[in-house]
């Protein structure tokens, strides 16, 4: 397809997740695979839902018993693995569970790169830093190594991450997700023109989500 014949606006798969959501960690590989398979037919972007904010922010010890019990379910259903480092972090109990700092990092990356597709990949890298490697997403230096594969200027990233405007952008993103009426994370929504269609609520395996996406594109766009 040449640039002259490419559609001006492709349908968009909006992946609504949270950096602290284990089921989202299990869903992100599915989204990444769909992004590759539907390249040229579908744009993919990511929004952070603000799963842990306000009065819910606190030490991971407060939720660790419930979270620890859910890890096996997520692993068995989705195929991802939670790293031993994350389990040690959770058992220690001191890590502050707060969606805003990592969501701010994702918003900052999006602003810097103006590239929704790469922002999806970066969001998955942020999840892996916590759930696989047990890193502190509240510490801005954690993101320096995550930025390396994306060739993003670390100094500029850190300057913007620390700016009040970035925190405000993350909170506005949380509010936008709330206005959409999302019930639970992850959620995948397909936007075609002015219409939005819920593709998945919660985890769905790749083949199921791919089939649903193919059917939706066929029915709504003929493509």
N, C-alpha and C. Protein backbone atom coordinates (compact mmCIF):
# COMPACT_ATOMS: atom_id res chain seq x y z
N UNK A 1 0.86 -1.19 0.00
CA UNK A 1 0.00 0.00 0.00
C UNK A 1 0.89 1.23 0.00
N UNK A 2 0.72 2.11 -0.96
CA UNK A 2 1.52 3.31 -1.06
C UNK A 2 0.94 4.38 -0.15
N UNK A 3 1.76 5.41 0.17
CA UNK A 3 1.23 6.48 1.02
C UNK A 3 0.01 7.15 0.40
N UNK A 4 -0.05 7.17 -0.95
CA UNK A 4 -1.17 7.83 -1.61
C UNK A 4 -2.48 7.07 -1.41
N UNK A 5 -2.38 5.74 -1.25
CA UNK A 5 -3.59 4.94 -1.12
C UNK A 5 -3.90 4.54 0.31
N UNK A 6 -2.98 4.82 1.24
CA UNK A 6 -3.20 4.45 2.63
C UNK A 6 -4.36 5.26 3.21
N UNK A 7 -5.20 4.63 4.03
CA UNK A 7 -6.30 5.37 4.64
C UNK A 7 -5.78 6.45 5.56
N UNK A 8 -6.48 7.57 5.59
CA UNK A 8 -6.02 8.69 6.42
C UNK A 8 -6.09 8.34 7.90
N UNK A 9 -7.12 7.62 8.31
CA UNK A 9 -7.29 7.28 9.71
C UNK A 9 -7.63 5.80 9.83
N UNK A 10 -6.69 5.03 10.36
CA UNK A 10 -6.95 3.62 10.58
C UNK A 10 -7.80 3.45 11.84
N UNK A 11 -8.54 2.34 11.92
CA UNK A 11 -9.16 2.00 13.21
C UNK A 11 -8.09 1.94 14.29
N UNK A 12 -8.50 2.20 15.53
CA UNK A 12 -7.55 2.23 16.64
C UNK A 12 -7.96 1.23 17.71
N UNK A 13 -7.00 0.42 18.12
CA UNK A 13 -7.18 -0.46 19.28
C UNK A 13 -6.62 0.28 20.49
N UNK A 14 -7.49 0.63 21.40
CA UNK A 14 -7.11 1.36 22.60
C UNK A 14 -6.99 0.37 23.75
N UNK A 15 -5.78 0.17 24.22
CA UNK A 15 -5.49 -0.78 25.28
C UNK A 15 -5.44 -0.02 26.60
N UNK A 16 -6.42 -0.27 27.45
CA UNK A 16 -6.54 0.43 28.72
C UNK A 16 -6.05 -0.50 29.82
N UNK A 17 -4.98 -0.11 30.48
CA UNK A 17 -4.30 -0.98 31.44
C UNK A 17 -3.75 -0.14 32.58
N UNK A 18 -3.00 -0.79 33.45
CA UNK A 18 -2.34 -0.08 34.54
C UNK A 18 -1.00 -0.76 34.80
N UNK A 19 0.05 0.02 35.08
CA UNK A 19 1.37 -0.58 35.32
C UNK A 19 1.40 -1.54 36.50
N UNK A 20 0.45 -1.41 37.44
CA UNK A 20 0.45 -2.24 38.64
C UNK A 20 -0.55 -3.39 38.56
N UNK A 21 -1.13 -3.61 37.40
CA UNK A 21 -2.17 -4.63 37.22
C UNK A 21 -1.56 -5.93 36.70
N UNK A 22 -1.64 -6.99 37.50
CA UNK A 22 -1.06 -8.26 37.10
C UNK A 22 -1.71 -8.85 35.86
N UNK A 23 -3.03 -8.75 35.77
CA UNK A 23 -3.73 -9.28 34.59
C UNK A 23 -3.37 -8.47 33.34
N UNK A 24 -3.06 -7.18 33.53
CA UNK A 24 -2.60 -6.37 32.40
C UNK A 24 -1.21 -6.84 31.95
N UNK A 25 -0.37 -7.18 32.90
CA UNK A 25 0.95 -7.74 32.57
C UNK A 25 0.78 -9.00 31.73
N UNK A 26 -0.23 -9.80 32.03
CA UNK A 26 -0.48 -11.00 31.24
C UNK A 26 -1.11 -10.72 29.89
N UNK A 27 -1.79 -9.58 29.78
CA UNK A 27 -2.46 -9.23 28.53
C UNK A 27 -1.54 -8.52 27.55
N UNK A 28 -0.56 -7.80 28.03
CA UNK A 28 0.29 -7.00 27.16
C UNK A 28 0.96 -7.80 26.05
N UNK A 29 1.45 -9.03 26.29
CA UNK A 29 2.01 -9.79 25.16
C UNK A 29 0.98 -10.07 24.06
N UNK A 30 -0.29 -10.24 24.44
CA UNK A 30 -1.34 -10.44 23.44
C UNK A 30 -1.50 -9.18 22.60
N UNK A 31 -1.52 -8.03 23.26
CA UNK A 31 -1.66 -6.76 22.55
C UNK A 31 -0.46 -6.53 21.63
N UNK A 32 0.73 -6.83 22.11
CA UNK A 32 1.92 -6.65 21.28
C UNK A 32 1.86 -7.53 20.04
N UNK A 33 1.36 -8.74 20.19
CA UNK A 33 1.25 -9.65 19.04
C UNK A 33 0.20 -9.16 18.05
N UNK A 34 -0.91 -8.68 18.56
CA UNK A 34 -1.94 -8.11 17.68
C UNK A 34 -1.40 -6.89 16.94
N UNK A 35 -0.62 -6.10 17.64
CA UNK A 35 -0.05 -4.90 17.03
C UNK A 35 0.81 -5.26 15.82
N UNK A 36 1.57 -6.33 15.94
CA UNK A 36 2.42 -6.77 14.82
C UNK A 36 1.56 -7.36 13.69
N UNK A 37 0.59 -8.21 14.05
CA UNK A 37 -0.19 -8.90 13.02
C UNK A 37 -1.08 -7.94 12.24
N UNK A 38 -1.59 -6.92 12.90
CA UNK A 38 -2.54 -6.01 12.25
C UNK A 38 -1.87 -4.71 11.79
N UNK A 39 -0.55 -4.71 11.73
CA UNK A 39 0.16 -3.51 11.27
C UNK A 39 -0.34 -3.11 9.88
N UNK A 40 -0.62 -1.83 9.73
CA UNK A 40 -1.13 -1.32 8.46
C UNK A 40 -2.64 -1.34 8.37
N UNK A 41 -3.29 -2.09 9.26
CA UNK A 41 -4.75 -2.16 9.29
C UNK A 41 -5.32 -1.51 10.53
N UNK A 42 -4.48 -1.32 11.53
CA UNK A 42 -4.96 -0.92 12.85
C UNK A 42 -3.84 -0.20 13.58
N UNK A 43 -4.17 0.94 14.16
CA UNK A 43 -3.25 1.61 15.08
C UNK A 43 -3.52 1.11 16.50
N UNK A 44 -2.49 1.04 17.31
CA UNK A 44 -2.64 0.60 18.70
C UNK A 44 -2.08 1.68 19.62
N UNK A 45 -2.82 2.03 20.64
CA UNK A 45 -2.35 2.99 21.63
C UNK A 45 -2.71 2.49 23.02
N UNK A 46 -2.13 3.11 24.03
CA UNK A 46 -2.30 2.64 25.41
C UNK A 46 -2.70 3.80 26.29
N UNK A 47 -3.60 3.52 27.23
CA UNK A 47 -3.97 4.47 28.28
C UNK A 47 -3.81 3.79 29.64
N UNK A 48 -3.46 4.58 30.65
CA UNK A 48 -3.32 4.05 32.00
C UNK A 48 -4.58 4.39 32.80
N UNK A 49 -5.09 3.40 33.50
CA UNK A 49 -6.39 3.55 34.15
C UNK A 49 -6.36 4.06 35.57
N UNK A 50 -5.19 4.14 36.19
CA UNK A 50 -5.15 4.63 37.56
C UNK A 50 -5.76 3.66 38.55
N UNK A 51 -5.30 2.43 38.53
CA UNK A 51 -5.88 1.38 39.38
C UNK A 51 -5.65 1.67 40.86
N UNK A 52 -4.48 2.19 41.21
CA UNK A 52 -4.12 2.47 42.61
C UNK A 52 -3.79 3.95 42.73
N UNK A 53 -4.71 4.71 43.28
CA UNK A 53 -4.50 6.16 43.40
C UNK A 53 -5.24 6.67 44.63
N UNK A 54 -4.93 7.90 45.00
CA UNK A 54 -5.61 8.52 46.13
C UNK A 54 -5.48 7.74 47.43
N UNK A 55 -6.61 7.47 48.05
CA UNK A 55 -6.60 6.79 49.35
C UNK A 55 -6.16 5.34 49.25
N UNK A 56 -6.14 4.77 48.04
CA UNK A 56 -5.73 3.37 47.88
C UNK A 56 -4.21 3.21 47.91
N UNK A 57 -3.47 4.30 47.73
CA UNK A 57 -2.00 4.23 47.72
C UNK A 57 -1.51 3.85 49.11
N UNK A 58 -0.59 2.90 49.16
CA UNK A 58 -0.03 2.49 50.45
C UNK A 58 0.97 1.37 50.27
N UNK A 59 1.53 0.86 51.36
CA UNK A 59 2.51 -0.22 51.28
C UNK A 59 1.90 -1.47 50.62
N UNK A 60 2.71 -2.16 49.84
CA UNK A 60 2.24 -3.38 49.18
C UNK A 60 1.83 -4.43 50.21
N UNK A 61 2.34 -4.30 51.43
CA UNK A 61 1.95 -5.24 52.50
C UNK A 61 0.44 -5.26 52.71
N UNK A 62 -0.21 -4.11 52.45
CA UNK A 62 -1.66 -4.02 52.69
C UNK A 62 -2.45 -4.96 51.77
N UNK A 63 -1.90 -5.25 50.59
CA UNK A 63 -2.63 -6.07 49.61
C UNK A 63 -1.91 -7.34 49.24
N UNK A 64 -0.74 -7.58 49.85
CA UNK A 64 0.12 -8.64 49.36
C UNK A 64 -0.51 -10.03 49.44
N UNK A 65 -1.24 -10.31 50.51
CA UNK A 65 -1.84 -11.64 50.64
C UNK A 65 -2.76 -11.95 49.46
N UNK A 66 -3.62 -11.00 49.12
CA UNK A 66 -4.53 -11.21 47.99
C UNK A 66 -3.77 -11.23 46.67
N UNK A 67 -2.81 -10.34 46.53
CA UNK A 67 -2.04 -10.26 45.28
C UNK A 67 -1.23 -11.52 45.08
N UNK A 68 -0.59 -12.01 46.13
CA UNK A 68 0.23 -13.22 46.02
C UNK A 68 -0.61 -14.42 45.58
N UNK A 69 -1.83 -14.52 46.11
CA UNK A 69 -2.69 -15.65 45.75
C UNK A 69 -3.11 -15.58 44.28
N UNK A 70 -3.17 -14.37 43.72
CA UNK A 70 -3.61 -14.24 42.33
C UNK A 70 -2.51 -14.52 41.32
N UNK A 71 -1.25 -14.54 41.76
CA UNK A 71 -0.14 -14.69 40.81
C UNK A 71 -0.21 -16.01 40.04
N UNK A 72 -0.48 -17.08 40.74
CA UNK A 72 -0.56 -18.38 40.07
C UNK A 72 -1.67 -18.41 39.03
N UNK A 73 -2.81 -17.80 39.36
CA UNK A 73 -3.91 -17.76 38.39
C UNK A 73 -3.49 -17.01 37.13
N UNK A 74 -2.86 -15.86 37.31
CA UNK A 74 -2.42 -15.08 36.15
C UNK A 74 -1.42 -15.86 35.32
N UNK A 75 -0.48 -16.52 35.98
CA UNK A 75 0.53 -17.29 35.26
C UNK A 75 -0.10 -18.44 34.47
N UNK A 76 -1.01 -19.17 35.12
CA UNK A 76 -1.61 -20.33 34.46
C UNK A 76 -2.49 -19.93 33.28
N UNK A 77 -3.22 -18.83 33.43
CA UNK A 77 -4.17 -18.43 32.39
C UNK A 77 -3.47 -17.72 31.24
N UNK A 78 -2.51 -16.84 31.55
CA UNK A 78 -1.92 -15.98 30.52
C UNK A 78 -0.58 -16.49 29.98
N UNK A 79 0.14 -17.26 30.79
CA UNK A 79 1.44 -17.75 30.35
C UNK A 79 2.61 -16.88 30.74
N UNK A 80 2.37 -15.71 31.34
CA UNK A 80 3.49 -14.89 31.80
C UNK A 80 4.04 -15.46 33.10
N UNK A 81 5.22 -15.00 33.47
CA UNK A 81 5.83 -15.43 34.72
C UNK A 81 6.17 -14.20 35.57
N UNK A 82 5.85 -14.27 36.84
CA UNK A 82 6.26 -13.23 37.78
C UNK A 82 7.63 -13.62 38.34
N UNK A 83 8.54 -12.65 38.35
CA UNK A 83 9.90 -12.94 38.77
C UNK A 83 10.04 -13.10 40.27
N UNK A 84 11.06 -13.82 40.67
CA UNK A 84 11.33 -14.01 42.09
C UNK A 84 11.60 -12.67 42.76
N UNK A 85 12.21 -11.75 42.02
CA UNK A 85 12.51 -10.44 42.60
C UNK A 85 11.24 -9.69 42.98
N UNK A 86 10.19 -9.84 42.18
CA UNK A 86 8.92 -9.19 42.53
C UNK A 86 8.32 -9.84 43.77
N UNK A 87 8.41 -11.15 43.86
CA UNK A 87 7.85 -11.85 45.02
C UNK A 87 8.59 -11.46 46.30
N UNK A 88 9.90 -11.26 46.20
CA UNK A 88 10.69 -10.80 47.34
C UNK A 88 10.27 -9.39 47.74
N UNK A 89 10.07 -8.53 46.72
CA UNK A 89 9.63 -7.16 46.96
C UNK A 89 8.29 -7.15 47.68
N UNK A 90 7.36 -7.98 47.22
CA UNK A 90 6.05 -8.03 47.85
C UNK A 90 6.10 -8.55 49.26
N UNK A 91 6.89 -9.60 49.48
CA UNK A 91 6.98 -10.19 50.81
C UNK A 91 7.61 -9.23 51.81
N UNK A 92 8.54 -8.38 51.33
CA UNK A 92 9.17 -7.40 52.22
C UNK A 92 8.15 -6.37 52.70
N UNK A 93 7.18 -6.05 51.86
CA UNK A 93 6.03 -5.28 52.29
C UNK A 93 6.17 -3.77 52.30
N UNK A 94 7.35 -3.23 52.00
CA UNK A 94 7.57 -1.79 52.15
C UNK A 94 7.30 -1.00 50.87
N UNK A 95 7.31 -1.65 49.74
CA UNK A 95 7.14 -0.94 48.47
C UNK A 95 5.78 -0.23 48.44
N UNK A 96 5.78 1.04 48.06
CA UNK A 96 4.54 1.82 48.00
C UNK A 96 3.87 1.57 46.66
N UNK A 97 2.68 1.00 46.72
CA UNK A 97 1.92 0.67 45.51
C UNK A 97 1.14 1.91 45.09
N UNK A 98 1.55 2.52 43.97
CA UNK A 98 1.01 3.79 43.52
C UNK A 98 1.08 3.83 42.00
N UNK A 99 -0.07 3.93 41.34
CA UNK A 99 -0.09 3.91 39.88
C UNK A 99 0.44 5.19 39.25
N UNK A 100 0.45 6.29 40.00
CA UNK A 100 0.74 7.58 39.38
C UNK A 100 2.19 7.69 38.85
N UNK A 101 3.24 7.32 39.62
CA UNK A 101 4.60 7.51 39.09
C UNK A 101 4.87 6.73 37.78
N UNK A 102 4.53 5.43 37.69
CA UNK A 102 4.78 4.75 36.42
C UNK A 102 3.86 5.21 35.30
N UNK A 103 2.64 5.60 35.64
CA UNK A 103 1.74 6.14 34.61
C UNK A 103 2.27 7.47 34.10
N UNK A 104 2.87 8.25 34.99
CA UNK A 104 3.49 9.50 34.59
C UNK A 104 4.67 9.23 33.65
N UNK A 105 5.41 8.15 33.92
CA UNK A 105 6.52 7.80 33.03
C UNK A 105 6.01 7.46 31.63
N UNK A 106 4.90 6.74 31.55
CA UNK A 106 4.34 6.36 30.26
C UNK A 106 3.81 7.60 29.53
N UNK A 107 3.17 8.49 30.27
CA UNK A 107 2.67 9.74 29.67
C UNK A 107 3.83 10.60 29.17
N UNK A 108 4.92 10.63 29.93
CA UNK A 108 6.10 11.39 29.53
C UNK A 108 6.72 10.82 28.27
N UNK A 109 6.83 9.50 28.21
CA UNK A 109 7.37 8.83 27.02
C UNK A 109 6.52 9.16 25.80
N UNK A 110 5.21 9.09 25.96
CA UNK A 110 4.30 9.39 24.84
C UNK A 110 4.49 10.83 24.36
N UNK A 111 4.61 11.74 25.31
CA UNK A 111 4.78 13.15 24.97
C UNK A 111 6.11 13.38 24.24
N UNK A 112 7.16 12.73 24.71
CA UNK A 112 8.49 12.92 24.11
C UNK A 112 8.57 12.33 22.70
N UNK A 113 8.02 11.15 22.53
CA UNK A 113 8.19 10.44 21.26
C UNK A 113 7.10 10.75 20.24
N UNK A 114 5.93 11.18 20.73
CA UNK A 114 4.77 11.37 19.84
C UNK A 114 4.52 10.12 19.01
N UNK A 115 4.73 8.97 19.64
CA UNK A 115 4.65 7.69 18.93
C UNK A 115 3.81 6.71 19.76
N UNK A 116 2.50 6.64 19.52
CA UNK A 116 1.64 5.74 20.30
C UNK A 116 2.08 4.28 20.23
N UNK A 117 2.57 3.84 19.08
CA UNK A 117 2.95 2.43 18.92
C UNK A 117 4.11 2.06 19.84
N UNK A 118 5.13 2.91 19.88
CA UNK A 118 6.27 2.63 20.75
C UNK A 118 5.88 2.80 22.22
N UNK A 119 4.92 3.66 22.48
CA UNK A 119 4.47 3.83 23.86
C UNK A 119 3.85 2.54 24.40
N UNK A 120 3.18 1.78 23.54
CA UNK A 120 2.64 0.48 23.95
C UNK A 120 3.78 -0.44 24.41
N UNK A 121 4.86 -0.47 23.65
CA UNK A 121 6.00 -1.31 24.00
C UNK A 121 6.66 -0.84 25.28
N UNK A 122 6.77 0.47 25.45
CA UNK A 122 7.38 1.01 26.67
C UNK A 122 6.52 0.67 27.89
N UNK A 123 5.20 0.77 27.75
CA UNK A 123 4.31 0.44 28.86
C UNK A 123 4.51 -1.01 29.30
N UNK A 124 4.71 -1.91 28.34
CA UNK A 124 4.97 -3.30 28.69
C UNK A 124 6.31 -3.45 29.39
N UNK A 125 7.31 -2.67 28.95
CA UNK A 125 8.62 -2.71 29.60
C UNK A 125 8.52 -2.24 31.05
N UNK A 126 7.67 -1.25 31.30
CA UNK A 126 7.47 -0.77 32.67
C UNK A 126 6.85 -1.86 33.53
N UNK A 127 5.86 -2.57 33.00
CA UNK A 127 5.27 -3.69 33.74
C UNK A 127 6.32 -4.75 34.06
N UNK A 128 7.14 -5.07 33.08
CA UNK A 128 8.18 -6.09 33.29
C UNK A 128 9.18 -5.67 34.34
N UNK A 129 9.49 -4.38 34.41
CA UNK A 129 10.44 -3.90 35.41
C UNK A 129 9.95 -4.21 36.81
N UNK A 130 8.65 -4.10 37.02
CA UNK A 130 8.09 -4.42 38.34
C UNK A 130 7.86 -5.91 38.51
N UNK A 131 7.05 -6.49 37.64
CA UNK A 131 6.56 -7.86 37.86
C UNK A 131 7.60 -8.94 37.57
N UNK A 132 8.56 -8.64 36.73
CA UNK A 132 9.63 -9.61 36.44
C UNK A 132 10.87 -9.33 37.28
N UNK A 133 11.27 -8.02 37.33
CA UNK A 133 12.56 -7.66 37.91
C UNK A 133 12.46 -7.07 39.31
N UNK A 134 11.26 -6.80 39.79
CA UNK A 134 11.10 -6.27 41.14
C UNK A 134 11.70 -4.89 41.35
N UNK A 135 11.70 -4.06 40.32
CA UNK A 135 12.30 -2.73 40.42
C UNK A 135 11.29 -1.72 40.97
N UNK A 136 11.81 -0.62 41.46
CA UNK A 136 11.00 0.41 42.11
C UNK A 136 10.51 1.40 41.06
N UNK A 137 9.24 1.33 40.71
CA UNK A 137 8.68 2.23 39.70
C UNK A 137 8.44 3.63 40.24
N UNK A 138 8.61 3.81 41.55
CA UNK A 138 8.50 5.15 42.13
C UNK A 138 9.81 5.92 42.05
N UNK A 139 10.89 5.23 41.71
CA UNK A 139 12.22 5.84 41.60
C UNK A 139 12.47 6.21 40.15
N UNK A 140 12.64 7.49 39.84
CA UNK A 140 12.79 7.89 38.44
C UNK A 140 13.99 7.26 37.74
N UNK A 141 15.04 6.93 38.49
CA UNK A 141 16.22 6.35 37.84
C UNK A 141 15.94 4.96 37.28
N UNK A 142 14.88 4.30 37.76
CA UNK A 142 14.52 2.99 37.23
C UNK A 142 14.28 3.05 35.73
N UNK A 143 13.78 4.17 35.25
CA UNK A 143 13.38 4.27 33.84
C UNK A 143 14.56 4.49 32.89
N UNK A 144 15.72 4.85 33.43
CA UNK A 144 16.85 5.15 32.55
C UNK A 144 17.21 3.96 31.67
N UNK A 145 17.33 2.78 32.27
CA UNK A 145 17.67 1.60 31.49
C UNK A 145 16.54 1.18 30.57
N UNK A 146 15.30 1.38 31.00
CA UNK A 146 14.16 1.01 30.16
C UNK A 146 14.11 1.84 28.88
N UNK A 147 14.65 3.06 28.94
CA UNK A 147 14.61 3.95 27.79
C UNK A 147 15.65 3.61 26.73
N UNK A 148 16.69 2.87 27.11
CA UNK A 148 17.82 2.63 26.20
C UNK A 148 17.39 2.03 24.86
N UNK A 149 16.57 0.97 24.82
CA UNK A 149 16.20 0.39 23.51
C UNK A 149 15.40 1.36 22.64
N UNK A 150 14.80 2.36 23.25
CA UNK A 150 13.95 3.28 22.51
C UNK A 150 14.69 4.54 22.06
N UNK A 151 15.95 4.65 22.48
CA UNK A 151 16.79 5.79 22.09
C UNK A 151 16.13 7.13 22.45
N UNK A 152 15.60 7.18 23.65
CA UNK A 152 14.99 8.40 24.18
C UNK A 152 16.00 9.10 25.08
N UNK A 153 16.08 10.40 24.97
CA UNK A 153 17.02 11.19 25.76
C UNK A 153 16.64 11.11 27.25
N UNK A 154 17.53 10.52 28.04
CA UNK A 154 17.24 10.27 29.45
C UNK A 154 17.13 11.58 30.23
N UNK A 155 18.01 12.52 29.95
CA UNK A 155 18.00 13.78 30.70
C UNK A 155 16.68 14.52 30.47
N UNK A 156 16.24 14.58 29.22
CA UNK A 156 14.99 15.26 28.92
C UNK A 156 13.80 14.50 29.51
N UNK A 157 13.87 13.18 29.47
CA UNK A 157 12.81 12.37 30.07
C UNK A 157 12.70 12.68 31.56
N UNK A 158 13.84 12.69 32.25
CA UNK A 158 13.81 12.93 33.70
C UNK A 158 13.32 14.34 34.02
N UNK A 159 13.69 15.30 33.20
CA UNK A 159 13.23 16.67 33.43
C UNK A 159 11.71 16.75 33.31
N UNK A 160 11.19 16.11 32.28
CA UNK A 160 9.73 16.16 32.08
C UNK A 160 9.00 15.32 33.12
N UNK A 161 9.56 14.16 33.47
CA UNK A 161 8.91 13.29 34.46
C UNK A 161 8.73 14.03 35.79
N UNK A 162 9.73 14.85 36.14
CA UNK A 162 9.69 15.56 37.43
C UNK A 162 8.80 16.79 37.40
N UNK A 163 8.39 17.23 36.21
CA UNK A 163 7.60 18.45 36.09
C UNK A 163 6.17 18.22 36.56
N UNK A 164 5.57 19.20 37.22
CA UNK A 164 4.18 19.06 37.67
C UNK A 164 3.22 18.76 36.52
N UNK A 165 3.54 19.23 35.32
CA UNK A 165 2.66 19.01 34.18
C UNK A 165 2.51 17.53 33.86
N UNK A 166 3.56 16.75 34.10
CA UNK A 166 3.50 15.31 33.80
C UNK A 166 2.60 14.58 34.79
N UNK A 167 2.68 14.96 36.05
CA UNK A 167 1.77 14.38 37.05
C UNK A 167 0.32 14.74 36.71
N UNK A 168 0.11 15.97 36.27
CA UNK A 168 -1.23 16.39 35.88
C UNK A 168 -1.71 15.60 34.67
N UNK A 169 -0.81 15.34 33.71
CA UNK A 169 -1.18 14.56 32.52
C UNK A 169 -1.61 13.16 32.91
N UNK A 170 -0.92 12.56 33.86
CA UNK A 170 -1.30 11.22 34.31
C UNK A 170 -2.68 11.23 34.97
N UNK A 171 -2.93 12.23 35.79
CA UNK A 171 -4.24 12.32 36.45
C UNK A 171 -5.35 12.57 35.43
N UNK A 172 -5.07 13.37 34.43
CA UNK A 172 -6.05 13.61 33.38
C UNK A 172 -6.35 12.32 32.60
N UNK A 173 -5.31 11.50 32.43
CA UNK A 173 -5.50 10.22 31.76
C UNK A 173 -6.41 9.31 32.58
N UNK A 174 -6.19 9.28 33.89
CA UNK A 174 -7.06 8.50 34.76
C UNK A 174 -8.51 8.97 34.64
N UNK A 175 -8.69 10.28 34.61
CA UNK A 175 -10.04 10.84 34.52
C UNK A 175 -10.69 10.52 33.18
N UNK A 176 -9.88 10.53 32.12
CA UNK A 176 -10.41 10.21 30.79
C UNK A 176 -10.89 8.77 30.74
N UNK A 177 -10.13 7.86 31.35
CA UNK A 177 -10.53 6.45 31.39
C UNK A 177 -11.82 6.30 32.19
N UNK A 178 -11.93 7.04 33.30
CA UNK A 178 -13.15 6.97 34.11
C UNK A 178 -14.36 7.45 33.30
N UNK A 179 -14.15 8.48 32.48
CA UNK A 179 -15.26 9.00 31.69
C UNK A 179 -15.71 8.01 30.62
N UNK A 180 -14.79 7.21 30.13
CA UNK A 180 -15.13 6.19 29.14
C UNK A 180 -16.08 5.16 29.74
N UNK A 181 -16.01 5.02 31.07
CA UNK A 181 -16.86 4.05 31.74
C UNK A 181 -16.26 2.67 31.82
N UNK A 182 -14.93 2.59 31.84
CA UNK A 182 -14.25 1.30 31.91
C UNK A 182 -14.54 0.62 33.24
N UNK A 183 -14.92 -0.63 33.18
CA UNK A 183 -15.20 -1.42 34.38
C UNK A 183 -14.17 -2.54 34.46
N UNK A 184 -13.11 -2.26 35.16
CA UNK A 184 -12.07 -3.26 35.34
C UNK A 184 -10.98 -3.16 34.29
N UNK A 185 -9.80 -3.60 34.67
CA UNK A 185 -8.63 -3.60 33.79
C UNK A 185 -8.08 -5.01 33.69
N UNK A 186 -7.54 -5.35 32.52
CA UNK A 186 -7.44 -4.56 31.29
C UNK A 186 -8.76 -4.54 30.51
N UNK A 187 -8.90 -3.52 29.66
CA UNK A 187 -10.01 -3.42 28.72
C UNK A 187 -9.44 -3.00 27.37
N UNK A 188 -9.95 -3.62 26.31
CA UNK A 188 -9.53 -3.26 24.95
C UNK A 188 -10.74 -2.72 24.20
N UNK A 189 -10.59 -1.53 23.66
CA UNK A 189 -11.66 -0.86 22.92
C UNK A 189 -11.17 -0.56 21.51
N UNK A 190 -12.00 -0.81 20.53
CA UNK A 190 -11.67 -0.48 19.15
C UNK A 190 -12.48 0.75 18.75
N UNK A 191 -11.77 1.76 18.27
CA UNK A 191 -12.43 2.98 17.81
C UNK A 191 -12.37 3.02 16.28
N UNK A 192 -13.54 3.11 15.67
CA UNK A 192 -13.65 3.20 14.22
C UNK A 192 -14.47 4.45 13.93
N UNK A 193 -13.81 5.47 13.41
CA UNK A 193 -14.48 6.75 13.24
C UNK A 193 -14.88 7.30 14.59
N UNK A 194 -16.15 7.62 14.74
CA UNK A 194 -16.65 8.17 16.00
C UNK A 194 -17.21 7.10 16.93
N UNK A 195 -17.18 5.85 16.49
CA UNK A 195 -17.77 4.75 17.26
C UNK A 195 -16.70 3.99 18.05
N UNK A 196 -17.08 3.55 19.24
CA UNK A 196 -16.21 2.71 20.03
C UNK A 196 -16.85 1.37 20.32
N UNK A 197 -16.06 0.30 20.23
CA UNK A 197 -16.57 -1.06 20.43
C UNK A 197 -15.66 -1.76 21.44
N UNK A 198 -16.25 -2.31 22.50
CA UNK A 198 -15.46 -3.04 23.48
C UNK A 198 -15.08 -4.39 22.89
N UNK A 199 -13.79 -4.61 22.73
CA UNK A 199 -13.28 -5.88 22.20
C UNK A 199 -13.09 -6.90 23.30
N UNK A 200 -12.63 -6.46 24.46
CA UNK A 200 -12.36 -7.40 25.55
C UNK A 200 -12.41 -6.69 26.89
N UNK A 201 -13.05 -7.32 27.85
CA UNK A 201 -12.97 -6.90 29.24
C UNK A 201 -12.25 -7.99 30.00
N UNK A 202 -11.14 -7.66 30.63
CA UNK A 202 -10.34 -8.68 31.26
C UNK A 202 -9.47 -9.40 30.24
N UNK A 203 -8.73 -10.39 30.72
CA UNK A 203 -7.82 -11.12 29.82
C UNK A 203 -8.59 -11.97 28.83
N UNK A 204 -8.14 -11.93 27.59
CA UNK A 204 -8.58 -12.88 26.58
C UNK A 204 -7.35 -13.44 25.87
N UNK A 205 -7.32 -14.73 25.56
CA UNK A 205 -6.17 -15.28 24.83
C UNK A 205 -6.08 -14.69 23.43
N UNK A 206 -4.90 -14.81 22.87
CA UNK A 206 -4.62 -14.19 21.57
C UNK A 206 -5.61 -14.60 20.50
N UNK A 207 -5.84 -15.89 20.32
CA UNK A 207 -6.69 -16.34 19.22
C UNK A 207 -8.11 -15.80 19.36
N UNK A 208 -8.60 -15.73 20.58
CA UNK A 208 -9.95 -15.21 20.80
C UNK A 208 -10.02 -13.72 20.47
N UNK A 209 -9.03 -12.97 20.92
CA UNK A 209 -9.05 -11.54 20.65
C UNK A 209 -8.82 -11.26 19.16
N UNK A 210 -7.94 -12.04 18.53
CA UNK A 210 -7.68 -11.85 17.10
C UNK A 210 -8.94 -12.11 16.29
N UNK A 211 -9.67 -13.19 16.64
CA UNK A 211 -10.90 -13.52 15.91
C UNK A 211 -11.95 -12.42 16.09
N UNK A 212 -12.08 -11.90 17.30
CA UNK A 212 -13.03 -10.83 17.54
C UNK A 212 -12.67 -9.57 16.78
N UNK A 213 -11.37 -9.29 16.71
CA UNK A 213 -10.91 -8.11 15.99
C UNK A 213 -11.14 -8.25 14.50
N UNK A 214 -10.84 -9.42 13.96
CA UNK A 214 -11.07 -9.66 12.54
C UNK A 214 -12.55 -9.48 12.20
N UNK A 215 -13.42 -10.03 13.02
CA UNK A 215 -14.85 -9.94 12.77
C UNK A 215 -15.31 -8.49 12.83
N UNK A 216 -14.84 -7.74 13.80
CA UNK A 216 -15.23 -6.35 13.95
C UNK A 216 -14.77 -5.52 12.76
N UNK A 217 -13.54 -5.70 12.34
CA UNK A 217 -13.03 -4.94 11.20
C UNK A 217 -13.77 -5.31 9.92
N UNK A 218 -14.10 -6.57 9.79
CA UNK A 218 -14.84 -7.03 8.59
C UNK A 218 -16.23 -6.42 8.56
N UNK A 219 -16.90 -6.40 9.69
CA UNK A 219 -18.27 -5.91 9.74
C UNK A 219 -18.35 -4.39 9.63
N UNK A 220 -17.39 -3.70 10.22
CA UNK A 220 -17.49 -2.24 10.32
C UNK A 220 -16.73 -1.50 9.22
N UNK A 221 -15.69 -2.13 8.66
CA UNK A 221 -14.89 -1.42 7.66
C UNK A 221 -14.78 -2.19 6.35
N UNK A 222 -15.20 -3.47 6.37
CA UNK A 222 -15.01 -4.29 5.18
C UNK A 222 -13.57 -4.69 4.95
N UNK A 223 -12.73 -4.47 5.99
CA UNK A 223 -11.30 -4.73 5.81
C UNK A 223 -10.81 -5.85 6.69
